[in-house]
Protein backbone atom coordinates (compact mmCIF):
# COMPACT_ATOMS: atom_id res chain seq x y z
CA UNK A 1 82.97 72.61 -7.45
CA UNK A 2 80.43 70.11 -7.85
CA UNK A 3 79.43 66.74 -8.45
CA UNK A 4 81.84 65.28 -5.66
CA UNK A 5 82.60 61.31 -6.23
CA UNK A 6 84.24 59.82 -3.02
CA UNK A 7 86.46 56.61 -2.39
CA UNK A 8 88.29 55.56 0.42
CA UNK A 9 91.34 54.11 1.02
CA UNK A 10 92.63 53.00 4.21
CA UNK A 11 91.55 55.61 6.39
CA UNK A 12 91.72 58.39 3.88
CA UNK A 13 88.68 59.28 2.00
CA UNK A 14 89.18 61.40 -1.73
CA UNK A 15 86.63 63.36 -3.30
CA UNK A 16 87.36 63.94 -6.77
CA UNK A 17 84.95 66.99 -8.31
CA UNK A 18 83.98 68.94 -11.28
CA UNK A 19 85.55 72.14 -10.91
CA UNK A 20 84.12 74.95 -12.67
CA UNK A 21 86.74 78.29 -14.20
CA UNK A 22 85.31 81.68 -14.23
CA UNK A 23 84.58 82.74 -17.78
CA UNK A 24 87.69 82.61 -20.23
CA UNK A 25 88.96 83.14 -23.73
CA UNK A 26 89.57 79.55 -24.72
CA UNK A 27 90.53 78.35 -28.27
CA UNK A 28 88.09 80.52 -29.74
CA UNK A 29 85.28 80.80 -27.34
CA UNK A 30 84.27 82.46 -24.18
CA UNK A 31 83.53 79.49 -21.56
CA UNK A 32 83.70 78.09 -18.33
CA UNK A 33 86.57 75.49 -18.62
CA UNK A 34 85.13 72.08 -16.35
CA UNK A 35 88.48 70.18 -14.98
CA UNK A 36 88.30 67.67 -12.11
CA UNK A 37 89.44 68.34 -8.95
CA UNK A 38 91.08 66.68 -6.08
CA UNK A 39 91.02 66.64 -1.82
CA UNK A 40 91.44 64.44 1.06
CA UNK A 41 89.45 63.78 4.27
CA UNK A 42 89.75 61.49 7.11
CA UNK A 43 85.82 61.87 8.28
CA UNK A 44 84.04 62.27 4.74
CA UNK A 45 82.71 65.72 5.43
CA UNK A 46 86.26 67.98 6.09
CA UNK A 47 88.68 68.32 2.71
CA UNK A 48 91.79 70.00 2.34
CA UNK A 49 94.62 69.55 0.21
CA UNK A 50 92.90 70.67 -2.98
CA UNK A 51 94.32 70.50 -6.12
CA UNK A 52 93.65 69.93 -9.64
CA UNK A 53 94.01 66.42 -11.32
CA UNK A 54 92.74 66.09 -14.59
CA UNK A 55 92.52 68.77 -17.49
CA UNK A 56 91.92 68.64 -21.26
CA UNK A 57 94.90 67.25 -22.89
CA UNK A 58 93.67 64.98 -25.72
CA UNK A 59 91.03 66.37 -28.86
CA UNK A 60 88.34 64.44 -27.06
CA UNK A 61 88.41 66.41 -24.49
CA UNK A 62 89.33 69.65 -25.62
CA UNK A 63 86.69 71.51 -24.21
CA UNK A 64 86.64 70.01 -20.64
CA UNK A 65 86.38 67.21 -18.13
CA UNK A 66 83.43 66.75 -16.18
CA UNK A 67 81.82 64.90 -13.47
CA UNK A 68 84.11 62.13 -12.56
CA UNK A 69 83.28 58.79 -10.74
CA UNK A 70 86.29 57.06 -9.10
CA UNK A 71 86.52 53.52 -8.27
CA UNK A 72 89.64 51.69 -6.31
CA UNK A 73 90.65 48.39 -8.19
CA UNK A 74 93.47 46.16 -7.43
CA UNK A 75 95.46 49.03 -6.16
CA UNK A 76 94.95 51.36 -9.47
CA UNK A 77 92.11 54.47 -8.85
CA UNK A 78 90.41 54.43 -12.35
CA UNK A 79 88.49 57.53 -12.85
CA UNK A 80 85.82 57.96 -15.58
CA UNK A 81 84.65 61.34 -16.78
CA UNK A 82 82.56 63.00 -19.17
CA UNK A 83 84.72 64.31 -22.23
CA UNK A 84 83.91 67.15 -23.76
CA UNK A 85 85.32 67.52 -27.82
CA UNK A 86 83.73 70.28 -29.13
CA UNK A 87 82.21 73.59 -28.39
CA UNK A 88 79.16 74.13 -28.44
CA UNK A 89 78.80 70.63 -27.17
CA UNK A 90 76.77 68.28 -29.36
CA UNK A 91 75.48 64.37 -28.62
CA UNK A 92 78.33 62.93 -30.38
CA UNK A 93 81.11 65.25 -28.45
CA UNK A 94 79.69 64.31 -24.98
CA UNK A 95 81.39 60.68 -24.52
CA UNK A 96 83.10 58.78 -21.67
CA UNK A 97 86.11 58.86 -21.06
CA UNK A 98 88.96 57.24 -18.16
CA UNK A 99 92.09 58.00 -16.28
CA UNK A 100 94.46 55.89 -14.43
CA UNK A 101 96.49 57.11 -10.99
CA UNK A 102 98.32 55.12 -8.79
CA UNK A 103 98.19 57.70 -5.87
CA UNK A 104 95.59 60.65 -7.18
CA UNK A 105 98.65 63.02 -7.84
CA UNK A 106 99.46 62.25 -11.31
CA UNK A 107 97.67 60.56 -13.75
CA UNK A 108 99.36 57.68 -15.99
CA UNK A 109 96.98 56.88 -18.87
CA UNK A 110 93.93 58.21 -20.62
CA UNK A 111 91.61 56.53 -22.88
CA UNK A 112 88.41 57.38 -24.75
CA UNK A 113 85.76 54.89 -23.91
CA UNK A 114 82.78 55.01 -25.37
CA UNK A 115 82.40 55.92 -29.35
CA UNK A 116 78.83 56.93 -28.91
CA UNK A 117 77.30 59.73 -26.69
CA UNK A 118 77.41 58.84 -22.64
CA UNK A 119 77.73 60.05 -19.08
CA UNK A 120 78.15 59.23 -15.79
CA UNK A 121 80.16 55.79 -15.93
CA UNK A 122 81.23 54.30 -12.69
CA UNK A 123 82.88 50.94 -12.19
CA UNK A 124 82.10 48.14 -9.63
CA UNK A 125 84.65 48.37 -7.07
CA UNK A 126 84.82 44.42 -7.18
CA UNK A 127 84.80 41.89 -9.57
CA UNK A 128 81.64 39.62 -9.96
CA UNK A 129 82.02 36.17 -11.28
CA UNK A 130 85.30 36.99 -12.20
CA UNK A 131 84.41 39.91 -14.36
CA UNK A 132 84.53 43.68 -14.13
CA UNK A 133 81.59 45.74 -14.11
CA UNK A 134 80.54 49.22 -14.90
CA UNK A 135 77.35 50.89 -15.05
CA UNK A 136 76.73 54.06 -17.45
CA UNK A 137 74.21 56.61 -18.77
CA UNK A 138 73.70 55.72 -22.22
CA UNK A 139 72.40 58.59 -25.31
CA UNK A 140 72.16 60.91 -22.08
CA UNK A 141 72.13 64.14 -24.63
CA UNK A 142 69.63 62.63 -27.20
CA UNK A 143 67.36 61.39 -25.03
CA UNK A 144 65.32 58.65 -23.96
CA UNK A 145 68.40 58.09 -21.70
CA UNK A 146 69.34 54.32 -20.56
CA UNK A 147 71.20 53.20 -17.65
CA UNK A 148 72.70 49.87 -18.66
CA UNK A 149 75.24 47.81 -17.26
CA UNK A 150 78.76 46.67 -18.98
CA UNK A 151 81.12 43.85 -18.02
CA UNK A 152 84.85 43.25 -19.28
CA UNK A 153 87.04 40.28 -19.10
CA UNK A 154 89.96 42.58 -18.56
CA UNK A 155 90.64 46.69 -17.80
CA UNK A 156 91.50 46.96 -21.52
CA UNK A 157 88.39 45.98 -22.65
CA UNK A 158 86.98 49.35 -21.14
CA UNK A 159 88.94 51.33 -23.74
CA UNK A 160 88.13 48.63 -26.58
CA UNK A 161 86.02 50.74 -29.18
CA UNK A 162 85.04 46.90 -30.81
CA UNK A 163 84.05 46.06 -27.18
CA UNK A 164 81.63 48.73 -27.13
CA UNK A 165 80.18 48.99 -30.80
CA UNK A 166 79.23 45.36 -29.97
CA UNK A 167 77.95 46.25 -26.96
CA UNK A 168 75.67 48.86 -28.57
CA UNK A 169 74.34 47.29 -31.06
CA UNK A 170 72.63 44.98 -28.27
CA UNK A 171 71.90 48.04 -25.91
CA UNK A 172 68.57 46.59 -25.00
CA UNK A 173 69.82 43.40 -23.53
CA UNK A 174 72.15 45.21 -20.93
CA UNK A 175 69.19 48.08 -19.92
CA UNK A 176 68.48 48.72 -16.63
CA UNK A 177 64.50 49.68 -16.43
CA UNK A 178 65.15 52.74 -14.01
CA UNK A 179 62.12 55.40 -15.54
CA UNK A 180 59.03 55.31 -14.11
CA UNK A 181 57.35 56.86 -17.59
CA UNK A 182 59.03 57.65 -20.83
CA UNK A 183 58.26 61.70 -20.05
CA UNK A 184 60.90 60.87 -16.89
CA UNK A 185 65.29 61.10 -17.33
CA UNK A 186 67.80 58.77 -15.42
CA UNK A 187 71.28 58.91 -15.12
CA UNK A 188 73.89 56.85 -13.25
CA UNK A 189 74.91 58.30 -9.96
CA UNK A 190 77.30 56.97 -7.47
CA UNK A 191 79.80 54.31 -7.97
CA UNK A 192 77.45 51.01 -6.94
CA UNK A 193 78.47 50.42 -2.91
CA UNK A 194 78.32 46.54 -1.83
CA UNK A 195 76.39 45.90 1.02
CA UNK A 196 75.41 42.54 2.98
CA UNK A 197 72.03 42.72 0.75
CA UNK A 198 73.14 43.64 -2.43
CA UNK A 199 74.84 46.71 -4.69
CA UNK A 200 73.10 49.97 -3.66
CA UNK A 201 73.49 52.21 -7.18
CA UNK A 202 71.97 55.98 -6.07
CA UNK A 203 70.99 57.33 -9.17
CA UNK A 204 69.14 60.96 -10.54
CA UNK A 205 65.64 60.44 -11.60
CA UNK A 206 63.99 63.78 -13.10
CA UNK A 207 60.18 63.68 -13.52
CA UNK A 208 58.87 65.57 -16.20
CA UNK A 209 62.46 65.95 -17.93
CA UNK A 210 60.73 67.48 -21.52
CA UNK A 211 58.74 70.24 -19.34
CA UNK A 212 61.11 72.72 -18.00
CA UNK A 213 58.37 74.25 -15.59
CA UNK A 214 57.39 71.14 -14.22
CA UNK A 215 60.96 69.46 -14.01
CA UNK A 216 61.74 67.64 -11.00
CA UNK A 217 65.11 66.50 -9.96
CA UNK A 218 65.04 63.47 -7.66
CA UNK A 219 67.67 61.18 -6.06
CA UNK A 220 66.60 57.57 -6.12
CA UNK A 221 68.25 54.34 -5.24
CA UNK A 222 67.83 50.84 -6.79
CA UNK A 223 69.54 47.64 -5.13
CA UNK A 224 71.23 45.08 -7.48
CA UNK A 225 71.91 41.70 -6.80
CA UNK A 226 75.37 40.85 -5.11
CA UNK A 227 76.14 38.07 -8.08
CA UNK A 228 73.91 39.76 -10.90
CA UNK A 229 74.49 43.32 -11.18
CA UNK A 230 71.59 42.99 -14.31
CA UNK A 231 68.61 42.55 -11.58
CA UNK A 232 67.05 44.75 -9.51
CA UNK A 233 65.77 42.65 -6.54
CA UNK A 234 64.22 46.29 -4.45
CA UNK A 235 64.14 50.23 -5.14
CA UNK A 236 62.63 53.31 -3.85
CA UNK A 237 59.25 54.10 -5.02
CA UNK A 238 59.75 57.99 -4.87
CA UNK A 239 62.63 60.26 -4.50
CA UNK A 240 64.73 60.26 -1.27
CA UNK A 241 65.70 63.89 -2.00
CA UNK A 242 64.19 66.55 -3.77
CA UNK A 243 65.38 70.27 -3.70
CA UNK A 244 64.49 71.74 -0.37
CA UNK A 245 67.36 73.61 0.91
CA UNK A 246 68.57 77.26 -0.13
CA UNK A 247 71.69 75.85 -1.60
CA UNK A 248 69.50 73.52 -3.73
CA UNK A 249 66.90 75.91 -5.19
CA UNK A 250 69.22 79.00 -6.27
CA UNK A 251 72.76 78.65 -8.05
CA UNK A 252 74.12 78.02 -11.32
CA UNK A 253 71.50 75.97 -12.29
CA UNK A 254 68.37 76.64 -10.14
CA UNK A 255 66.48 73.28 -8.53
CA UNK A 256 68.99 70.95 -9.00
CA UNK A 257 70.20 68.18 -6.66
CA UNK A 258 72.48 65.54 -8.61
CA UNK A 259 73.94 62.15 -6.54
CA UNK A 260 77.48 61.48 -7.92
CA UNK A 261 79.09 59.79 -4.96
CA UNK A 262 78.34 57.09 -1.95
CA UNK A 263 79.82 55.90 1.05
CA UNK A 264 79.40 53.56 3.86
CA UNK A 265 80.68 55.14 6.68
CA UNK A 266 79.84 53.26 10.06
CA UNK A 267 75.67 53.20 10.58
CA UNK A 268 75.03 55.53 7.97
CA UNK A 269 74.78 55.46 4.17
CA UNK A 270 76.44 58.54 3.01
CA UNK A 271 75.28 60.00 -0.66
CA UNK A 272 77.35 63.06 -1.81
CA UNK A 273 75.60 65.31 -4.22
CA UNK A 274 76.10 68.74 -6.34
CA UNK A 275 73.75 71.22 -5.67
CA UNK A 276 72.70 74.25 -8.58
CA UNK A 277 75.80 72.88 -10.35
CA UNK A 278 77.40 75.25 -7.81
CA UNK A 279 78.58 73.53 -4.60
CA UNK A 280 79.41 69.98 -3.10
CA UNK A 281 77.05 68.50 -0.45
CA UNK A 282 76.33 65.75 1.60
CA UNK A 283 73.13 63.73 3.13
CA UNK A 284 72.87 60.40 5.21
CA UNK A 285 70.49 57.77 6.14
CA UNK A 286 71.08 54.97 8.82
CA UNK A 287 72.24 52.01 6.69
CA UNK A 288 69.81 49.18 8.42
CA UNK A 289 66.56 50.86 7.61
CA UNK A 290 67.72 52.02 3.91
CA UNK A 291 68.41 48.58 3.53
CA UNK A 292 65.74 46.85 4.83
CA UNK A 293 63.22 49.45 2.97
CA UNK A 294 64.95 48.76 -0.40
CA UNK A 295 65.09 44.79 0.04
CA UNK A 296 61.58 44.90 1.22
CA UNK A 297 60.00 47.14 -1.32
CA UNK A 298 57.02 46.21 -3.38
CA UNK A 299 58.72 48.17 -6.20
CA UNK A 300 61.05 45.92 -7.97
CA UNK A 301 62.00 45.48 -12.03
CA UNK A 302 60.01 47.38 -13.93
CA UNK A 303 57.76 45.35 -16.88
CA UNK A 304 57.80 46.81 -20.45
CA UNK A 305 55.60 45.03 -23.19
CA UNK A 306 57.77 44.47 -25.99
CA UNK A 307 56.52 45.94 -29.40
CA UNK A 308 56.48 44.08 -32.47
CA UNK A 309 58.56 45.19 -35.54
CA UNK A 310 55.99 45.13 -37.85
CA UNK A 311 53.62 47.69 -36.45
CA UNK A 312 51.59 48.95 -36.97
CA UNK A 313 49.87 45.44 -38.08
CA UNK A 314 46.17 47.37 -39.51
CA UNK A 315 46.17 50.74 -41.20
CA UNK A 316 43.20 52.60 -42.95
CA UNK A 317 41.82 51.50 -46.16
CA UNK A 318 41.24 54.77 -48.11
CA UNK A 319 39.62 52.90 -50.89
CA UNK A 320 36.94 51.82 -48.79
CA UNK A 321 34.91 54.61 -47.06
CA UNK A 322 33.88 52.97 -43.91
CA UNK A 323 37.72 52.36 -42.59
CA UNK A 324 39.44 55.36 -44.65
CA UNK A 325 39.97 57.44 -41.51
CA UNK A 326 40.92 55.02 -38.79
CA UNK A 327 41.34 51.12 -37.62
CA UNK A 328 42.05 51.04 -34.03
CA UNK A 329 41.23 49.78 -30.43
CA UNK A 330 40.37 46.08 -31.46
CA UNK A 331 38.89 43.22 -29.61
CA UNK A 332 41.32 40.02 -29.47
CA UNK A 333 40.02 36.55 -29.68
CA UNK A 334 42.09 32.96 -29.94
CA UNK A 335 39.60 30.47 -31.20
CA UNK A 336 39.76 27.66 -33.74
CA UNK A 337 43.48 27.93 -33.35
CA UNK A 338 43.32 31.57 -35.15
CA UNK A 339 43.35 34.96 -33.62
CA UNK A 340 40.47 37.01 -34.87
CA UNK A 341 40.51 41.08 -34.15
CA UNK A 342 37.25 42.84 -34.13
CA UNK A 343 38.54 46.58 -34.84
CA UNK A 344 37.18 49.98 -34.64
CA UNK A 345 36.82 51.70 -38.19
CA UNK A 346 36.05 55.05 -38.77
CA UNK A 347 34.58 56.67 -41.88
CA UNK A 348 35.78 60.31 -43.03
CA UNK A 349 32.34 61.52 -41.52
CA UNK A 350 33.44 59.94 -38.24
CA UNK A 351 30.96 56.81 -37.98
CA UNK A 352 32.26 53.85 -36.12
CA UNK A 353 31.52 50.29 -37.34
CA UNK A 354 33.43 47.08 -36.71
CA UNK A 355 35.53 45.44 -39.16
CA UNK A 356 37.12 42.07 -39.07
CA UNK A 357 40.51 40.52 -39.55
CA UNK A 358 42.23 37.08 -38.89
CA UNK A 359 45.84 35.31 -38.50
CA UNK A 360 47.31 32.37 -38.01
CA UNK A 361 50.21 33.95 -35.77
CA UNK A 362 48.76 37.11 -34.19
CA UNK A 363 50.73 39.63 -36.39
CA UNK A 364 49.89 38.76 -39.53
CA UNK A 365 46.60 39.76 -40.33
CA UNK A 366 44.25 39.67 -43.35
CA UNK A 367 40.89 41.18 -43.80
CA UNK A 368 38.34 38.11 -44.28
CA UNK A 369 35.59 40.12 -45.48
CA UNK A 370 35.75 43.57 -47.24
CA UNK A 371 32.58 45.27 -45.06
CA UNK A 372 32.32 45.83 -41.70
CA UNK A 373 30.68 42.61 -39.47
CA UNK A 374 28.84 45.09 -37.39
CA UNK A 375 26.96 48.50 -37.99
CA UNK A 376 24.80 51.04 -36.47
CA UNK A 377 21.30 49.00 -36.42
CA UNK A 378 18.85 51.14 -33.56
CA UNK A 379 18.57 54.44 -32.87
CA UNK A 380 20.87 55.14 -29.43
CA UNK A 381 23.78 54.51 -32.22
CA UNK A 382 22.63 56.27 -35.07
CA UNK A 383 24.40 59.69 -36.39
CA UNK A 384 22.06 62.28 -35.51
CA UNK A 385 23.84 65.49 -37.25
CA UNK A 386 26.32 65.17 -40.11
CA UNK A 387 29.99 64.37 -39.43
CA UNK A 388 29.60 63.96 -35.72
CA UNK A 389 31.24 61.06 -33.98
CA UNK A 390 28.48 58.28 -33.84
CA UNK A 391 28.34 54.64 -33.87
CA UNK A 392 29.52 51.78 -32.64
CA UNK A 393 32.99 51.97 -31.07
CA UNK A 394 35.73 50.26 -28.92
CA UNK A 395 34.24 46.23 -28.92
CA UNK A 396 35.41 43.75 -26.22
CA UNK A 397 34.31 40.08 -26.86
CA UNK A 398 34.06 37.26 -24.31
CA UNK A 399 33.33 33.97 -24.85
CA UNK A 400 30.98 32.52 -22.49
CA UNK A 401 29.08 29.23 -23.25
CA UNK A 402 28.06 28.67 -26.64
CA UNK A 403 28.16 32.05 -27.09
CA UNK A 404 30.49 35.39 -28.25
CA UNK A 405 29.03 38.13 -25.96
CA UNK A 406 30.16 41.89 -27.54
CA UNK A 407 29.99 44.90 -25.43
CA UNK A 408 30.35 48.46 -27.11
CA UNK A 409 30.50 51.78 -26.40
CA UNK A 410 26.86 53.13 -28.66
CA UNK A 411 27.09 56.58 -29.45
CA UNK A 412 24.52 59.02 -31.23
CA UNK A 413 26.86 62.18 -31.64
CA UNK A 414 24.01 64.03 -28.86
CA UNK A 415 23.43 61.88 -25.66
CA UNK A 416 25.84 60.59 -23.65
CA UNK A 417 27.89 57.37 -24.49
CA UNK A 418 26.44 54.28 -23.21
CA UNK A 419 27.36 50.57 -22.93
CA UNK A 420 25.73 48.28 -25.11
CA UNK A 421 25.79 44.44 -25.57
CA UNK A 422 25.22 41.73 -28.31
CA UNK A 423 25.87 38.42 -29.17
CA UNK A 424 26.52 35.57 -31.72
CA UNK A 425 26.34 31.89 -31.62
CA UNK A 426 30.06 30.06 -31.28
CA UNK A 427 28.84 28.28 -34.52
CA UNK A 428 27.84 31.61 -36.38
CA UNK A 429 31.34 33.30 -35.14
CA UNK A 430 33.58 30.18 -36.41
CA UNK A 431 31.77 30.14 -40.06
CA UNK A 432 31.79 34.07 -39.94
CA UNK A 433 28.31 34.30 -40.25
CA UNK A 434 27.78 37.38 -39.02
CA UNK A 435 24.36 37.42 -37.15
CA UNK A 436 24.29 39.04 -34.22
CA UNK A 437 21.48 39.29 -31.95
CA UNK A 438 19.59 42.38 -31.50
CA UNK A 439 22.00 44.76 -29.21
CA UNK A 440 20.39 46.05 -25.86
CA UNK A 441 21.76 49.45 -24.10
CA UNK A 442 22.62 48.06 -20.41
CA UNK A 443 24.31 51.29 -18.70
CA UNK A 444 22.17 53.86 -17.55
CA UNK A 445 21.51 56.01 -20.77
CA UNK A 446 21.47 59.35 -19.01
CA UNK A 447 25.33 58.93 -18.26
CA UNK A 448 28.22 58.50 -19.84
CA UNK A 449 29.30 54.75 -19.73
CA UNK A 450 32.28 52.97 -21.66
CA UNK A 451 34.93 50.47 -21.45
CA UNK A 452 32.77 47.38 -20.58
CA UNK A 453 33.36 43.85 -20.91
CA UNK A 454 32.07 40.48 -19.62
CA UNK A 455 34.20 38.05 -17.01
CA UNK A 456 34.92 34.73 -19.17
CA UNK A 457 33.46 33.00 -16.08
CA UNK A 458 30.42 33.32 -13.72
CA UNK A 459 31.55 33.93 -9.74
CA UNK A 460 29.43 32.75 -7.20
CA UNK A 461 26.87 31.66 -10.07
CA UNK A 462 26.72 35.47 -11.33
CA UNK A 463 27.88 37.49 -14.18
CA UNK A 464 30.55 40.11 -13.52
CA UNK A 465 30.69 42.99 -15.63
CA UNK A 466 33.61 45.64 -15.68
CA UNK A 467 32.78 49.20 -16.79
CA UNK A 468 33.86 52.91 -16.76
CA UNK A 469 31.36 55.47 -14.95
CA UNK A 470 32.08 59.03 -13.91
CA UNK A 471 34.65 59.07 -16.87
CA UNK A 472 37.50 57.85 -14.47
CA UNK A 473 37.37 54.98 -12.92
CA UNK A 474 36.59 51.19 -13.16
CA UNK A 475 33.21 49.73 -11.93
CA UNK A 476 32.74 46.55 -11.06
CA UNK A 477 28.94 44.75 -11.13
CA UNK A 478 27.59 41.21 -10.42
CA UNK A 479 24.51 40.22 -12.55
CA UNK A 480 22.11 37.44 -12.46
CA UNK A 481 21.17 37.53 -15.91
CA UNK A 482 22.53 38.80 -19.52
CA UNK A 483 19.46 39.76 -20.39
CA UNK A 484 19.24 43.38 -20.33
CA UNK A 485 15.87 44.02 -22.02
CA UNK A 486 13.80 43.55 -18.95
CA UNK A 487 15.10 47.26 -18.03
CA UNK A 488 17.79 46.34 -15.59
CA UNK A 489 21.00 48.12 -15.93
CA UNK A 490 24.49 48.52 -14.79
CA UNK A 491 25.27 50.15 -11.51
CA UNK A 492 28.34 50.65 -9.24
CA UNK A 493 28.88 47.51 -6.49
CA UNK A 494 32.79 48.66 -6.32
CA UNK A 495 34.94 50.61 -7.98
CA UNK A 496 38.87 51.08 -8.70
CA UNK A 497 39.60 54.24 -8.83
CA UNK A 498 42.97 56.40 -10.16
CA UNK A 499 45.66 56.81 -8.07
CA UNK A 500 46.97 60.52 -7.39
CA UNK A 501 50.34 61.66 -8.35
CA UNK A 502 50.68 58.54 -10.13
CA UNK A 503 50.69 57.61 -14.30
CA UNK A 504 47.02 56.88 -13.60
CA UNK A 505 46.02 59.45 -11.94
CA UNK A 506 43.13 61.43 -13.94
CA UNK A 507 41.23 58.15 -15.08
CA UNK A 508 41.46 54.54 -16.04
CA UNK A 509 39.78 52.15 -18.01
CA UNK A 510 39.65 48.44 -18.67
CA UNK A 511 41.97 47.23 -21.81
CA UNK A 512 40.10 43.99 -22.33
CA UNK A 513 38.25 41.16 -20.41
CA UNK A 514 40.42 39.79 -17.62
CA UNK A 515 42.45 36.28 -17.77
CA UNK A 516 42.46 33.76 -15.44
CA UNK A 517 45.92 32.99 -13.96
CA UNK A 518 47.27 31.27 -10.88
CA UNK A 519 47.85 34.37 -9.38
CA UNK A 520 44.50 35.67 -9.64
CA UNK A 521 42.30 37.53 -12.54
CA UNK A 522 45.00 39.56 -14.81
CA UNK A 523 43.04 42.90 -15.78
CA UNK A 524 45.24 45.42 -18.10
CA UNK A 525 44.33 48.57 -18.23
CA UNK A 526 44.79 51.95 -19.36
CA UNK A 527 45.85 54.91 -17.05
CA UNK A 528 45.42 58.75 -17.99
CA UNK A 529 48.15 61.07 -16.13
CA UNK A 530 47.49 64.48 -14.72
CA UNK A 531 50.33 65.89 -15.66
CA UNK A 532 50.91 65.00 -19.87
CA UNK A 533 47.50 63.72 -20.35
CA UNK A 534 48.86 60.83 -21.86
CA UNK A 535 47.68 57.15 -22.21
CA UNK A 536 49.36 54.39 -20.64
CA UNK A 537 49.06 50.62 -19.79
CA UNK A 538 49.28 48.68 -16.43
CA UNK A 539 47.90 45.77 -14.98
CA UNK A 540 46.16 45.16 -12.10
CA UNK A 541 45.73 41.01 -10.38
CA UNK A 542 42.08 40.54 -8.54
CA UNK A 543 41.31 37.92 -6.18
CA UNK A 544 39.82 34.81 -7.64
CA UNK A 545 36.92 34.48 -5.73
CA UNK A 546 36.51 38.03 -4.70
CA UNK A 547 37.41 40.32 -7.90
CA UNK A 548 36.46 43.41 -5.91
CA UNK A 549 39.80 42.65 -4.10
CA UNK A 550 43.00 44.23 -5.76
CA UNK A 551 45.93 41.88 -5.05
CA UNK A 552 48.54 43.65 -7.04
CA UNK A 553 48.70 46.78 -9.21
CA UNK A 554 51.57 47.78 -11.30
CA UNK A 555 53.40 50.83 -9.86
CA UNK A 556 54.69 51.57 -13.21
CA UNK A 557 53.47 51.91 -16.49
CA UNK A 558 53.99 48.72 -19.20
CA UNK A 559 53.40 50.53 -22.77
CA UNK A 560 53.55 54.23 -23.56
CA UNK A 561 53.49 56.36 -26.77
CA UNK A 562 56.77 56.41 -27.98
CA UNK A 563 56.81 56.22 -31.94
CA UNK A 564 55.53 58.56 -34.70
CA UNK A 565 52.08 56.41 -35.23
CA UNK A 566 51.50 56.53 -31.11
CA UNK A 567 52.09 60.28 -30.59
CA UNK A 568 50.32 61.56 -33.65
CA UNK A 569 46.82 60.97 -34.86
CA UNK A 570 42.85 61.58 -34.01
CA UNK A 571 44.09 61.66 -30.51
CA UNK A 572 47.67 62.70 -29.64
CA UNK A 573 49.93 60.51 -27.27
CA UNK A 574 47.66 57.59 -26.61
CA UNK A 575 48.08 53.50 -26.25
CA UNK A 576 44.99 51.58 -25.74
CA UNK A 577 44.98 48.17 -25.07
CA UNK A 578 42.71 44.93 -25.50
CA UNK A 579 44.05 40.84 -24.74
CA UNK A 580 44.01 38.03 -26.02
CA UNK A 581 45.48 34.47 -24.21
CA UNK A 582 45.60 30.96 -25.57
CA UNK A 583 47.16 27.74 -24.38
CA UNK A 584 49.21 27.23 -27.63
CA UNK A 585 50.89 30.21 -27.55
CA UNK A 586 52.08 32.94 -25.07
CA UNK A 587 49.44 35.80 -24.27
CA UNK A 588 49.37 38.15 -26.68
CA UNK A 589 48.88 41.85 -26.04
CA UNK A 590 47.32 43.60 -29.02
CA UNK A 591 47.79 47.22 -28.69
CA UNK A 592 45.23 49.69 -30.43
CA UNK A 593 46.21 53.23 -31.00
CA UNK A 594 44.89 56.64 -32.24
CA UNK A 595 44.40 55.68 -36.13
CA UNK A 596 46.46 51.83 -36.41
CA UNK A 597 46.44 48.85 -34.92
CA UNK A 598 49.58 47.49 -33.38
CA UNK A 599 50.95 44.67 -31.43
């Protein structure tokens, strides 16, 4: 017996739980059948009066009734549960059903709720703005799962197929962004509990869900606005519980704890949970400190960038040798009422040059020139061995004064990659006369250095340059002059480093030049996780007058590899971003990934 859900009625606490039988022959299959049991208690810790409450009766629950969530609303107990219609179950045969009872002794109605794959639905125990509200997990068995909110004018809407078809067609409008990365899995836990600070929703957050060897079941919580459950106002920044005790580590499914009930009891906030799909358990935390922690947490809503439906916006041109293999890692510039992409193009012999495309709207690009606008010109970027990677890579462009400065990675295939810089006048750039100044190496040629850019204005009468040293951290330097032909090279006056245990734990590097906002310098960067080696994107806010000082850094990635063209290519599972902003249009994030460019 496991995954208990609790509800309090006067002085009695009711628990509904998933009961699992021994092996039996059932409709031509040998299986352990799930039904839903009941017990009661006066203190929420010692339970008696057990009996079986919900058993399979309808075709859509023929092979089991699992994991109840019970809510008392207007003298009715609504019990949501997982209904299994086929054996072995598949995604479509696993859906949400609801049973109604007046006394938890008998069931008076049953209805199939969702026409799609879903689990763990829970009804809020009070109306909000005159509506009933529920939270549920959608696509639980065909990941990625999503935790989403639904509202109803009347109870009968809960089992209306028309309602759910319309709701599901607009699923993204209802989602609570809870996973920290796309390798994590989330599922609704307990019925939300109303507190003075808001609704507390306890849920299951499973890290590294796709990797059984690293998979970690954790219990987390989120604080939702009292009058708008779609709004997250606080959240835990890490699990508040993981498998720890013997009964949480060893059982039918080892190393699993799953929250399924919550209860405010005097000065305690209790979480009821299933351990190893074998037993029912409870844990508690003092209510006031817990709510204070949630309310004042810096970890609130997760910001996710929206990917353009036309992606990819640039693809390789197999008929043109210089860009036959890849077109990616673009620099983006908004100038003269147009969006300009200076992108890295790669030939089949792995030589990188810089191509150019332009757009009026930032999404529909066309190539103004059928030739690269920048090619390897000097020894430090010229191929030394056939078919080695070499050339001019990953440009970042900044307009400062009457010039556009382009920083890029120069690589000859033998010596370490190094930062190079060139420039072009605004007049020549505007008229597409690609008369670039001679390039100069601006980093120590004996050490790997790349991902460099120039701040778009001076700070304390000095130029500010970002670059990546040691292969893993973002360095920042003040320089007096951009004339590097004198021999002066970038050093490392300060650095931003990876964060242990986070999505950016292995290495970080800038996306593009930072942009000045009211809050400070917005610096978008990429990070690589030491868990799965995926590239993801986040951002920092740097102090306006002291860019060494980080005011904010996203706790979660804002963009991750999801689609096939982001997961498969020259380097798999990479999103790599540059930024363009303008006053006439919102910020535009141009994502370059693998072999193609995207927005």
